[in-house]
Amino acid sequence: MAKFYNPAIPIKVHEGENGIPTGFAYNRKPVKVGRIRRQWRIREGWWREEIAREYFDLETGRFACTIYRDLIDKGWYLQRIYD
């Protein structure tokens, strides 16, 4: 079962080399990134409200999730948690 957040939840992310997430805070608790399963970018909507994001499917010690960095506003967001 997965929990999808729409809108996505803003989060604070700790970044390592090249902006790769190494950890983040969720429910006021630190979460360490164990492994990045997949990474991809999307860029669309240039003809209306542009969307540009870099997504990461992550495994942590507590759960798996999808987070993204908005490449326009530079914020980080939690979009999905997998049970």
Protein backbone atom coordinates (compact mmCIF):
# COMPACT_ATOMS: atom_id res chain seq x y z
CA MET A 1 0.00 0.00 0.00
CA ALA A 2 1.25 3.49 -0.79
CA LYS A 3 0.29 6.89 0.53
CA PHE A 4 0.31 9.59 -2.15
CA TYR A 5 0.45 13.23 -1.06
CA ASN A 6 -1.22 15.73 -3.36
CA PRO A 7 -0.05 18.36 -2.89
CA ALA A 8 3.34 16.98 -1.92
CA ILE A 9 4.66 17.78 1.57
CA PRO A 10 7.55 20.27 1.82
CA ILE A 11 10.55 18.70 3.60
CA LYS A 12 14.05 19.73 4.63
CA VAL A 13 16.67 17.58 2.93
CA HIS A 14 20.35 17.07 3.71
CA GLU A 15 22.30 16.91 0.47
CA GLY A 16 25.58 15.19 -0.27
CA GLU A 17 27.74 15.51 -3.34
CA ASN A 18 26.04 16.81 -6.49
CA GLY A 19 22.83 17.55 -4.58
CA ILE A 20 22.04 13.89 -3.87
CA PRO A 21 19.77 13.49 -0.80
CA THR A 22 21.43 11.79 2.17
CA GLY A 23 18.67 12.36 4.72
CA PHE A 24 15.58 14.40 5.51
CA ALA A 25 13.14 15.21 8.31
CA TYR A 26 9.71 13.59 8.32
CA ASN A 27 7.22 14.11 11.14
CA ARG A 28 10.00 16.00 12.96
CA LYS A 29 12.20 12.89 12.97
CA PRO A 30 15.42 12.44 11.02
CA VAL A 31 15.33 9.88 8.22
CA LYS A 32 18.57 8.57 6.71
CA VAL A 33 18.64 7.60 3.05
CA GLY A 34 19.85 4.02 2.75
CA ARG A 35 19.75 3.61 -1.01
CA ILE A 36 18.55 5.47 -4.08
CA ARG A 37 16.60 2.98 -6.15
CA ARG A 38 15.91 5.28 -9.08
CA GLN A 39 16.49 8.88 -10.13
CA TRP A 40 14.87 10.79 -13.00
CA ARG A 41 13.93 14.29 -14.17
CA ILE A 42 10.81 15.70 -15.75
CA ARG A 43 10.36 19.00 -17.53
CA GLU A 44 7.01 19.84 -19.04
CA GLY A 45 4.39 22.51 -19.36
CA TRP A 46 6.59 25.20 -20.85
CA TRP A 47 3.49 26.38 -22.74
CA ARG A 48 1.61 26.95 -19.43
CA GLU A 49 2.87 26.69 -15.84
CA GLU A 50 6.25 25.02 -16.20
CA ILE A 51 7.11 21.94 -14.13
CA ALA A 52 10.74 20.93 -13.70
CA ARG A 53 11.58 18.32 -11.06
CA GLU A 54 14.26 15.82 -10.12
CA TYR A 55 12.75 12.72 -8.52
CA PHE A 56 14.34 10.13 -6.24
CA ASP A 57 12.88 6.74 -5.23
CA LEU A 58 14.55 6.03 -1.89
CA GLU A 59 14.88 3.26 0.66
CA THR A 60 15.31 4.26 4.28
CA GLY A 61 15.54 2.13 7.39
CA ARG A 62 11.86 2.85 8.09
CA PHE A 63 10.12 2.96 4.70
CA ALA A 64 10.53 3.49 0.95
CA CYS A 65 9.45 6.78 -0.56
CA THR A 66 9.53 9.18 -3.49
CA ILE A 67 10.82 12.69 -2.99
CA TYR A 68 11.60 15.42 -5.49
CA ARG A 69 13.46 18.68 -5.79
CA ASP A 70 11.53 21.39 -7.61
CA LEU A 71 14.11 22.77 -10.03
CA ILE A 72 12.22 26.07 -10.28
CA ASP A 73 11.62 26.99 -6.62
CA LYS A 74 14.56 24.82 -5.34
CA GLY A 75 12.35 23.27 -2.62
CA TRP A 76 12.22 19.58 -1.67
CA TYR A 77 8.96 17.64 -1.37
CA LEU A 78 7.75 14.22 -0.19
CA GLN A 79 5.30 12.79 -2.70
CA ARG A 80 4.79 9.13 -1.78
CA ILE A 81 5.49 6.64 1.02
CA TYR A 82 5.41 2.91 0.34
CA ASP A 83 4.54 0.49 3.14
